[in-house]
Amino acid sequence: MAGDKISVTFEIQKDAEDMLVYAAEKYDLKDKSKALRCVLDYVASDGDWDELFKKVRCVRCGGDAWTKDD
Protein backbone atom coordinates (compact mmCIF):
# COMPACT_ATOMS: atom_id res chain seq x y z
CA MET A 1 0.00 0.00 0.00
CA ALA A 2 1.87 3.02 -1.27
CA GLY A 3 1.11 6.38 0.28
CA ASP A 4 -1.52 7.51 2.72
CA LYS A 5 -5.09 7.38 1.50
CA ILE A 6 -8.00 9.59 2.43
CA SER A 7 -11.68 8.91 2.09
CA VAL A 8 -13.56 11.19 -0.31
CA THR A 9 -17.12 11.36 -1.50
CA PHE A 10 -18.14 12.28 -5.02
CA GLU A 11 -20.90 11.47 -7.46
CA ILE A 12 -20.60 9.31 -10.57
CA GLN A 13 -23.15 7.59 -12.76
CA LYS A 14 -24.05 3.94 -12.12
CA ASP A 15 -22.38 2.72 -15.32
CA ALA A 16 -19.11 4.40 -14.25
CA GLU A 17 -19.24 2.55 -10.94
CA ASP A 18 -20.03 -0.68 -12.80
CA MET A 19 -16.95 -0.06 -14.96
CA LEU A 20 -14.73 0.33 -11.89
CA VAL A 21 -16.15 -2.82 -10.29
CA TYR A 22 -15.63 -4.72 -13.55
CA ALA A 23 -12.03 -3.49 -13.85
CA ALA A 24 -11.33 -4.53 -10.26
CA GLU A 25 -12.72 -8.01 -10.89
CA LYS A 26 -11.07 -8.45 -14.31
CA TYR A 27 -7.62 -7.39 -13.12
CA ASP A 28 -7.85 -8.93 -9.64
CA LEU A 29 -7.65 -5.60 -7.86
CA LYS A 30 -8.66 -5.21 -4.22
CA ASP A 31 -11.76 -3.14 -4.98
CA LYS A 32 -13.25 -0.39 -7.14
CA SER A 33 -11.27 2.24 -5.21
CA LYS A 34 -8.04 0.61 -6.39
CA ALA A 35 -9.37 0.60 -9.96
CA LEU A 36 -10.06 4.33 -9.69
CA ARG A 37 -6.59 4.98 -8.25
CA CYS A 38 -5.12 3.15 -11.27
CA VAL A 39 -7.09 5.41 -13.61
CA LEU A 40 -5.96 8.50 -11.71
CA ASP A 41 -2.33 7.33 -11.72
CA TYR A 42 -2.55 6.86 -15.49
CA VAL A 43 -3.98 10.35 -15.95
CA ALA A 44 -1.27 11.83 -13.74
CA SER A 45 1.65 10.05 -15.41
CA ASP A 46 0.70 9.12 -18.98
CA GLY A 47 -2.46 11.00 -19.85
CA ASP A 48 -2.52 13.89 -22.29
CA TRP A 49 -4.37 16.43 -20.17
CA ASP A 50 -5.48 18.51 -23.15
CA GLU A 51 -6.85 15.38 -24.82
CA LEU A 52 -8.54 14.30 -21.60
CA PHE A 53 -10.07 17.56 -20.46
CA LYS A 54 -10.50 19.79 -23.52
CA LYS A 55 -12.32 17.25 -25.65
CA VAL A 56 -16.02 17.17 -24.81
CA ARG A 57 -17.25 13.67 -24.07
CA CYS A 58 -20.75 12.88 -22.99
CA VAL A 59 -21.36 9.17 -23.21
CA ARG A 60 -24.83 9.65 -21.78
CA CYS A 61 -25.92 12.25 -24.35
CA GLY A 62 -24.81 10.10 -27.28
CA GLY A 63 -26.14 6.86 -25.88
CA ASP A 64 -22.73 5.22 -25.83
CA ALA A 65 -22.33 4.68 -22.09
CA TRP A 66 -19.82 2.08 -20.98
CA THR A 67 -20.99 -1.51 -21.13
CA LYS A 68 -19.25 -4.64 -19.97
CA ASP A 69 -17.49 -6.49 -22.77
CA ASP A 70 -18.39 -10.14 -23.07
PDB file of N, CA and C in Angstrom:
ATOM      1  N   MET A   1       0.857  -1.177   0.000  1.00  0.00           N
ATOM      2  CA  MET A   1       0.000   0.000   0.000  1.00  0.00           C
ATOM      3  C   MET A   1       0.895   1.229   0.000  1.00  0.00           C
ATOM      4  N   ALA A   2       1.001   1.857  -1.133  1.00  0.00           N
ATOM      5  CA  ALA A   2       1.867   3.024  -1.269  1.00  0.00           C
ATOM      6  C   ALA A   2       1.125   4.298  -0.932  1.00  0.00           C
ATOM      7  N   GLY A   3       1.684   5.076  -0.044  1.00  0.00           N
ATOM      8  CA  GLY A   3       1.110   6.383   0.279  1.00  0.00           C
ATOM      9  C   GLY A   3      -0.112   6.311   1.169  1.00  0.00           C
ATOM     10  N   ASP A   4      -0.335   7.395   1.876  1.00  0.00           N
ATOM     11  CA  ASP A   4      -1.521   7.507   2.722  1.00  0.00           C
ATOM     12  C   ASP A   4      -2.741   7.754   1.848  1.00  0.00           C
ATOM     13  N   LYS A   5      -3.847   7.188   2.246  1.00  0.00           N
ATOM     14  CA  LYS A   5      -5.091   7.378   1.504  1.00  0.00           C
ATOM     15  C   LYS A   5      -6.081   8.130   2.379  1.00  0.00           C
ATOM     16  N   ILE A   6      -6.929   8.899   1.725  1.00  0.00           N
ATOM     17  CA  ILE A   6      -8.001   9.587   2.429  1.00  0.00           C
ATOM     18  C   ILE A   6      -9.323   9.129   1.828  1.00  0.00           C
ATOM     19  N   SER A   7     -10.357   9.249   2.580  1.00  0.00           N
ATOM     20  CA  SER A   7     -11.682   8.908   2.095  1.00  0.00           C
ATOM     21  C   SER A   7     -12.337  10.168   1.540  1.00  0.00           C
ATOM     22  N   VAL A   8     -12.872  10.077   0.313  1.00  0.00           N
ATOM     23  CA  VAL A   8     -13.556  11.195  -0.313  1.00  0.00           C
ATOM     24  C   VAL A   8     -14.914  10.726  -0.821  1.00  0.00           C
ATOM     25  N   THR A   9     -15.800  11.657  -0.971  1.00  0.00           N
ATOM     26  CA  THR A   9     -17.123  11.358  -1.500  1.00  0.00           C
ATOM     27  C   THR A   9     -17.346  12.195  -2.743  1.00  0.00           C
ATOM     28  N   PHE A  10     -17.788  11.554  -3.812  1.00  0.00           N
ATOM     29  CA  PHE A  10     -18.142  12.277  -5.025  1.00  0.00           C
ATOM     30  C   PHE A  10     -19.196  11.476  -5.757  1.00  0.00           C
ATOM     31  N   GLU A  11     -19.814  12.105  -6.735  1.00  0.00           N
ATOM     32  CA  GLU A  11     -20.904  11.466  -7.460  1.00  0.00           C
ATOM     33  C   GLU A  11     -20.445  11.035  -8.847  1.00  0.00           C
ATOM     34  N   ILE A  12     -20.809   9.810  -9.218  1.00  0.00           N
ATOM     35  CA  ILE A  12     -20.595   9.308 -10.569  1.00  0.00           C
ATOM     36  C   ILE A  12     -21.861   8.556 -10.987  1.00  0.00           C
ATOM     37  N   GLN A  13     -21.998   8.336 -12.273  1.00  0.00           N
ATOM     38  CA  GLN A  13     -23.153   7.587 -12.755  1.00  0.00           C
ATOM     39  C   GLN A  13     -22.951   6.099 -12.465  1.00  0.00           C
ATOM     40  N   LYS A  14     -24.066   5.371 -12.446  1.00  0.00           N
ATOM     41  CA  LYS A  14     -24.053   3.942 -12.123  1.00  0.00           C
ATOM     42  C   LYS A  14     -23.160   3.161 -13.083  1.00  0.00           C
ATOM     43  N   ASP A  15     -23.204   3.484 -14.377  1.00  0.00           N
ATOM     44  CA  ASP A  15     -22.383   2.723 -15.319  1.00  0.00           C
ATOM     45  C   ASP A  15     -20.892   2.959 -15.077  1.00  0.00           C
ATOM     46  N   ALA A  16     -20.514   4.128 -14.566  1.00  0.00           N
ATOM     47  CA  ALA A  16     -19.110   4.395 -14.249  1.00  0.00           C
ATOM     48  C   ALA A  16     -18.677   3.549 -13.049  1.00  0.00           C
ATOM     49  N   GLU A  17     -19.548   3.428 -12.073  1.00  0.00           N
ATOM     50  CA  GLU A  17     -19.240   2.548 -10.937  1.00  0.00           C
ATOM     51  C   GLU A  17     -19.140   1.103 -11.408  1.00  0.00           C
ATOM     52  N   ASP A  18     -20.069   0.682 -12.264  1.00  0.00           N
ATOM     53  CA  ASP A  18     -20.026  -0.678 -12.803  1.00  0.00           C
ATOM     54  C   ASP A  18     -18.708  -0.938 -13.518  1.00  0.00           C
ATOM     55  N   MET A  19     -18.216   0.071 -14.252  1.00  0.00           N
ATOM     56  CA  MET A  19     -16.952  -0.061 -14.963  1.00  0.00           C
ATOM     57  C   MET A  19     -15.795  -0.263 -13.981  1.00  0.00           C
ATOM     58  N   LEU A  20     -15.783   0.476 -12.884  1.00  0.00           N
ATOM     59  CA  LEU A  20     -14.726   0.326 -11.886  1.00  0.00           C
ATOM     60  C   LEU A  20     -14.782  -1.037 -11.211  1.00  0.00           C
ATOM     61  N   VAL A  21     -15.986  -1.494 -10.892  1.00  0.00           N
ATOM     62  CA  VAL A  21     -16.152  -2.825 -10.288  1.00  0.00           C
ATOM     63  C   VAL A  21     -15.663  -3.896 -11.259  1.00  0.00           C
ATOM     64  N   TYR A  22     -16.051  -3.768 -12.524  1.00  0.00           N
ATOM     65  CA  TYR A  22     -15.634  -4.720 -13.550  1.00  0.00           C
ATOM     66  C   TYR A  22     -14.107  -4.739 -13.681  1.00  0.00           C
ATOM     67  N   ALA A  23     -13.488  -3.565 -13.729  1.00  0.00           N
ATOM     68  CA  ALA A  23     -12.028  -3.490 -13.846  1.00  0.00           C
ATOM     69  C   ALA A  23     -11.356  -4.160 -12.648  1.00  0.00           C
ATOM     70  N   ALA A  24     -11.894  -3.922 -11.460  1.00  0.00           N
ATOM     71  CA  ALA A  24     -11.329  -4.534 -10.256  1.00  0.00           C
ATOM     72  C   ALA A  24     -11.412  -6.055 -10.327  1.00  0.00           C
ATOM     73  N   GLU A  25     -12.549  -6.563 -10.783  1.00  0.00           N
ATOM     74  CA  GLU A  25     -12.719  -8.009 -10.895  1.00  0.00           C
ATOM     75  C   GLU A  25     -11.829  -8.578 -11.997  1.00  0.00           C
ATOM     76  N   LYS A  26     -11.821  -7.951 -13.152  1.00  0.00           N
ATOM     77  CA  LYS A  26     -11.074  -8.453 -14.307  1.00  0.00           C
ATOM     78  C   LYS A  26      -9.571  -8.489 -14.045  1.00  0.00           C
ATOM     79  N   TYR A  27      -9.061  -7.486 -13.344  1.00  0.00           N
ATOM     80  CA  TYR A  27      -7.623  -7.387 -13.124  1.00  0.00           C
ATOM     81  C   TYR A  27      -7.217  -7.761 -11.708  1.00  0.00           C
ATOM     82  N   ASP A  28      -8.120  -8.417 -10.989  1.00  0.00           N
ATOM     83  CA  ASP A  28      -7.846  -8.934  -9.643  1.00  0.00           C
ATOM     84  C   ASP A  28      -7.313  -7.853  -8.708  1.00  0.00           C
ATOM     85  N   LEU A  29      -7.985  -6.702  -8.752  1.00  0.00           N
ATOM     86  CA  LEU A  29      -7.647  -5.600  -7.855  1.00  0.00           C
ATOM     87  C   LEU A  29      -8.448  -5.750  -6.571  1.00  0.00           C
ATOM     88  N   LYS A  30      -8.004  -5.089  -5.532  1.00  0.00           N
ATOM     89  CA  LYS A  30      -8.657  -5.210  -4.224  1.00  0.00           C
ATOM     90  C   LYS A  30     -10.122  -4.778  -4.268  1.00  0.00           C
ATOM     91  N   ASP A  31     -10.393  -3.663  -4.936  1.00  0.00           N
ATOM     92  CA  ASP A  31     -11.760  -3.140  -4.976  1.00  0.00           C
ATOM     93  C   ASP A  31     -11.859  -2.036  -6.027  1.00  0.00           C
ATOM     94  N   LYS A  32     -13.046  -1.445  -6.139  1.00  0.00           N
ATOM     95  CA  LYS A  32     -13.255  -0.395  -7.136  1.00  0.00           C
ATOM     96  C   LYS A  32     -12.440   0.856  -6.824  1.00  0.00           C
ATOM     97  N   SER A  33     -12.115   1.086  -5.562  1.00  0.00           N
ATOM     98  CA  SER A  33     -11.274   2.236  -5.207  1.00  0.00           C
ATOM     99  C   SER A  33      -9.880   2.080  -5.804  1.00  0.00           C
ATOM    100  N   LYS A  34      -9.345   0.860  -5.787  1.00  0.00           N
ATOM    101  CA  LYS A  34      -8.036   0.607  -6.393  1.00  0.00           C
ATOM    102  C   LYS A  34      -8.113   0.820  -7.903  1.00  0.00           C
ATOM    103  N   ALA A  35      -9.205   0.388  -8.521  1.00  0.00           N
ATOM    104  CA  ALA A  35      -9.373   0.604  -9.960  1.00  0.00           C
ATOM    105  C   ALA A  35      -9.360   2.094 -10.274  1.00  0.00           C
ATOM    106  N   LEU A  36     -10.046   2.883  -9.469  1.00  0.00           N
ATOM    107  CA  LEU A  36     -10.062   4.329  -9.687  1.00  0.00           C
ATOM    108  C   LEU A  36      -8.671   4.927  -9.479  1.00  0.00           C
ATOM    109  N   ARG A  37      -7.947   4.465  -8.476  1.00  0.00           N
ATOM    110  CA  ARG A  37      -6.591   4.979  -8.247  1.00  0.00           C
ATOM    111  C   ARG A  37      -5.690   4.657  -9.444  1.00  0.00           C
ATOM    112  N   CYS A  38      -5.887   3.486 -10.067  1.00  0.00           N
ATOM    113  CA  CYS A  38      -5.116   3.148 -11.273  1.00  0.00           C
ATOM    114  C   CYS A  38      -5.424   4.128 -12.394  1.00  0.00           C
ATOM    115  N   VAL A  39      -6.692   4.445 -12.574  1.00  0.00           N
ATOM    116  CA  VAL A  39      -7.086   5.406 -13.606  1.00  0.00           C
ATOM    117  C   VAL A  39      -6.459   6.764 -13.310  1.00  0.00           C
ATOM    118  N   LEU A  40      -6.529   7.205 -12.070  1.00  0.00           N
ATOM    119  CA  LEU A  40      -5.961   8.499 -11.706  1.00  0.00           C
ATOM    120  C   LEU A  40      -4.443   8.521 -11.872  1.00  0.00           C
ATOM    121  N   ASP A  41      -3.780   7.416 -11.525  1.00  0.00           N
ATOM    122  CA  ASP A  41      -2.327   7.333 -11.725  1.00  0.00           C
ATOM    123  C   ASP A  41      -1.982   7.425 -13.209  1.00  0.00           C
ATOM    124  N   TYR A  42      -2.780   6.780 -14.052  1.00  0.00           N
ATOM    125  CA  TYR A  42      -2.553   6.857 -15.490  1.00  0.00           C
ATOM    126  C   TYR A  42      -2.698   8.302 -15.974  1.00  0.00           C
ATOM    127  N   VAL A  43      -3.763   8.950 -15.544  1.00  0.00           N
ATOM    128  CA  VAL A  43      -3.984  10.350 -15.952  1.00  0.00           C
ATOM    129  C   VAL A  43      -2.804  11.211 -15.504  1.00  0.00           C
ATOM    130  N   ALA A  44      -2.353  11.008 -14.288  1.00  0.00           N
ATOM    131  CA  ALA A  44      -1.266  11.831 -13.741  1.00  0.00           C
ATOM    132  C   ALA A  44       0.059  11.589 -14.452  1.00  0.00           C
ATOM    133  N   SER A  45       0.328  10.357 -14.867  1.00  0.00           N
ATOM    134  CA  SER A  45       1.648  10.045 -15.407  1.00  0.00           C
ATOM    135  C   SER A  45       1.696   9.924 -16.927  1.00  0.00           C
ATOM    136  N   ASP A  46       0.660   9.404 -17.542  1.00  0.00           N
ATOM    137  CA  ASP A  46       0.700   9.122 -18.976  1.00  0.00           C
ATOM    138  C   ASP A  46      -0.376   9.830 -19.788  1.00  0.00           C
ATOM    139  N   GLY A  47      -1.353  10.387 -19.127  1.00  0.00           N
ATOM    140  CA  GLY A  47      -2.461  11.002 -19.847  1.00  0.00           C
ATOM    141  C   GLY A  47      -2.088  12.335 -20.474  1.00  0.00           C
ATOM    142  N   ASP A  48      -2.649  12.591 -21.627  1.00  0.00           N
ATOM    143  CA  ASP A  48      -2.519  13.888 -22.290  1.00  0.00           C
ATOM    144  C   ASP A  48      -3.659  14.751 -21.755  1.00  0.00           C
ATOM    145  N   TRP A  49      -3.336  15.664 -20.864  1.00  0.00           N
ATOM    146  CA  TRP A  49      -4.373  16.434 -20.166  1.00  0.00           C
ATOM    147  C   TRP A  49      -5.242  17.229 -21.120  1.00  0.00           C
ATOM    148  N   ASP A  50      -4.653  17.782 -22.171  1.00  0.00           N
ATOM    149  CA  ASP A  50      -5.476  18.507 -23.147  1.00  0.00           C
ATOM    150  C   ASP A  50      -6.457  17.550 -23.820  1.00  0.00           C
ATOM    151  N   GLU A  51      -5.980  16.377 -24.194  1.00  0.00           N
ATOM    152  CA  GLU A  51      -6.855  15.376 -24.819  1.00  0.00           C
ATOM    153  C   GLU A  51      -7.944  14.932 -23.843  1.00  0.00           C
ATOM    154  N   LEU A  52      -7.579  14.777 -22.592  1.00  0.00           N
ATOM    155  CA  LEU A  52      -8.543  14.303 -21.596  1.00  0.00           C
ATOM    156  C   LEU A  52      -9.603  15.344 -21.230  1.00  0.00           C
ATOM    157  N   PHE A  53      -9.165  16.587 -21.046  1.00  0.00           N
ATOM    158  CA  PHE A  53     -10.067  17.565 -20.459  1.00  0.00           C
ATOM    159  C   PHE A  53     -10.597  18.632 -21.415  1.00  0.00           C
ATOM    160  N   LYS A  54      -9.985  18.800 -22.569  1.00  0.00           N
ATOM    161  CA  LYS A  54     -10.495  19.791 -23.518  1.00  0.00           C
ATOM    162  C   LYS A  54     -11.506  19.191 -24.483  1.00  0.00           C
ATOM    163  N   LYS A  55     -11.384  17.906 -24.754  1.00  0.00           N
ATOM    164  CA  LYS A  55     -12.320  17.246 -25.649  1.00  0.00           C
ATOM    165  C   LYS A  55     -13.615  16.959 -24.893  1.00  0.00           C
ATOM    166  N   VAL A  56     -14.729  17.387 -25.464  1.00  0.00           N
ATOM    167  CA  VAL A  56     -16.019  17.173 -24.811  1.00  0.00           C
ATOM    168  C   VAL A  56     -16.466  15.736 -25.065  1.00  0.00           C
ATOM    169  N   ARG A  57     -16.737  15.040 -23.980  1.00  0.00           N
ATOM    170  CA  ARG A  57     -17.246  13.671 -24.067  1.00  0.00           C
ATOM    171  C   ARG A  57     -18.503  13.598 -23.216  1.00  0.00           C
ATOM    172  N   CYS A  58     -19.532  13.098 -23.776  1.00  0.00           N
ATOM    173  CA  CYS A  58     -20.750  12.879 -22.988  1.00  0.00           C
ATOM    174  C   CYS A  58     -21.335  11.555 -23.445  1.00  0.00           C
ATOM    175  N   VAL A  59     -20.906  10.493 -22.796  1.00  0.00           N
ATOM    176  CA  VAL A  59     -21.363   9.170 -23.206  1.00  0.00           C
ATOM    177  C   VAL A  59     -22.856   8.981 -22.946  1.00  0.00           C
ATOM    178  N   ARG A  60     -23.400   9.760 -22.057  1.00  0.00           N
ATOM    179  CA  ARG A  60     -24.832   9.646 -21.783  1.00  0.00           C
ATOM    180  C   ARG A  60     -25.666  10.367 -22.835  1.00  0.00           C
ATOM    181  N   CYS A  61     -25.184  11.500 -23.320  1.00  0.00           N
ATOM    182  CA  CYS A  61     -25.917  12.248 -24.353  1.00  0.00           C
ATOM    183  C   CYS A  61     -25.985  11.478 -25.669  1.00  0.00           C
ATOM    184  N   GLY A  62     -24.876  10.815 -26.018  1.00  0.00           N
ATOM    185  CA  GLY A  62     -24.810  10.102 -27.282  1.00  0.00           C
ATOM    186  C   GLY A  62     -25.299   8.679 -27.211  1.00  0.00           C
ATOM    187  N   GLY A  63     -25.639   8.222 -26.020  1.00  0.00           N
ATOM    188  CA  GLY A  63     -26.144   6.862 -25.882  1.00  0.00           C
ATOM    189  C   GLY A  63     -25.084   5.797 -25.912  1.00  0.00           C
ATOM    190  N   ASP A  64     -23.815   6.184 -25.785  1.00  0.00           N
ATOM    191  CA  ASP A  64     -22.731   5.217 -25.830  1.00  0.00           C
ATOM    192  C   ASP A  64     -22.086   5.030 -24.461  1.00  0.00           C
ATOM    193  N   ALA A  65     -22.870   4.878 -23.422  1.00  0.00           N
ATOM    194  CA  ALA A  65     -22.334   4.683 -22.086  1.00  0.00           C
ATOM    195  C   ALA A  65     -21.549   3.374 -22.047  1.00  0.00           C
ATOM    196  N   TRP A  66     -20.634   3.274 -21.110  1.00  0.00           N
ATOM    197  CA  TRP A  66     -19.815   2.077 -20.982  1.00  0.00           C
ATOM    198  C   TRP A  66     -20.704   0.870 -20.746  1.00  0.00           C
ATOM    199  N   THR A  67     -20.337  -0.227 -21.380  1.00  0.00           N
ATOM    200  CA  THR A  67     -20.992  -1.514 -21.132  1.00  0.00           C
ATOM    201  C   THR A  67     -19.918  -2.573 -20.999  1.00  0.00           C
ATOM    202  N   LYS A  68     -20.188  -3.554 -20.214  1.00  0.00           N
ATOM    203  CA  LYS A  68     -19.248  -4.644 -19.973  1.00  0.00           C
ATOM    204  C   LYS A  68     -19.026  -5.424 -21.262  1.00  0.00           C
ATOM    205  N   ASP A  69     -17.755  -5.673 -21.586  1.00  0.00           N
ATOM    206  CA  ASP A  69     -17.488  -6.488 -22.770  1.00  0.00           C
ATOM    207  C   ASP A  69     -17.677  -7.959 -22.409  1.00  0.00           C
ATOM    208  N   ASP A  70     -18.129  -8.713 -23.342  1.00  0.00           N
ATOM    209  CA  ASP A  70     -18.385 -10.137 -23.069  1.00  0.00           C
ATOM    210  C   ASP A  70     -17.335 -11.033 -23.660  1.00  0.00           C
TER     211      ASP A  70
END
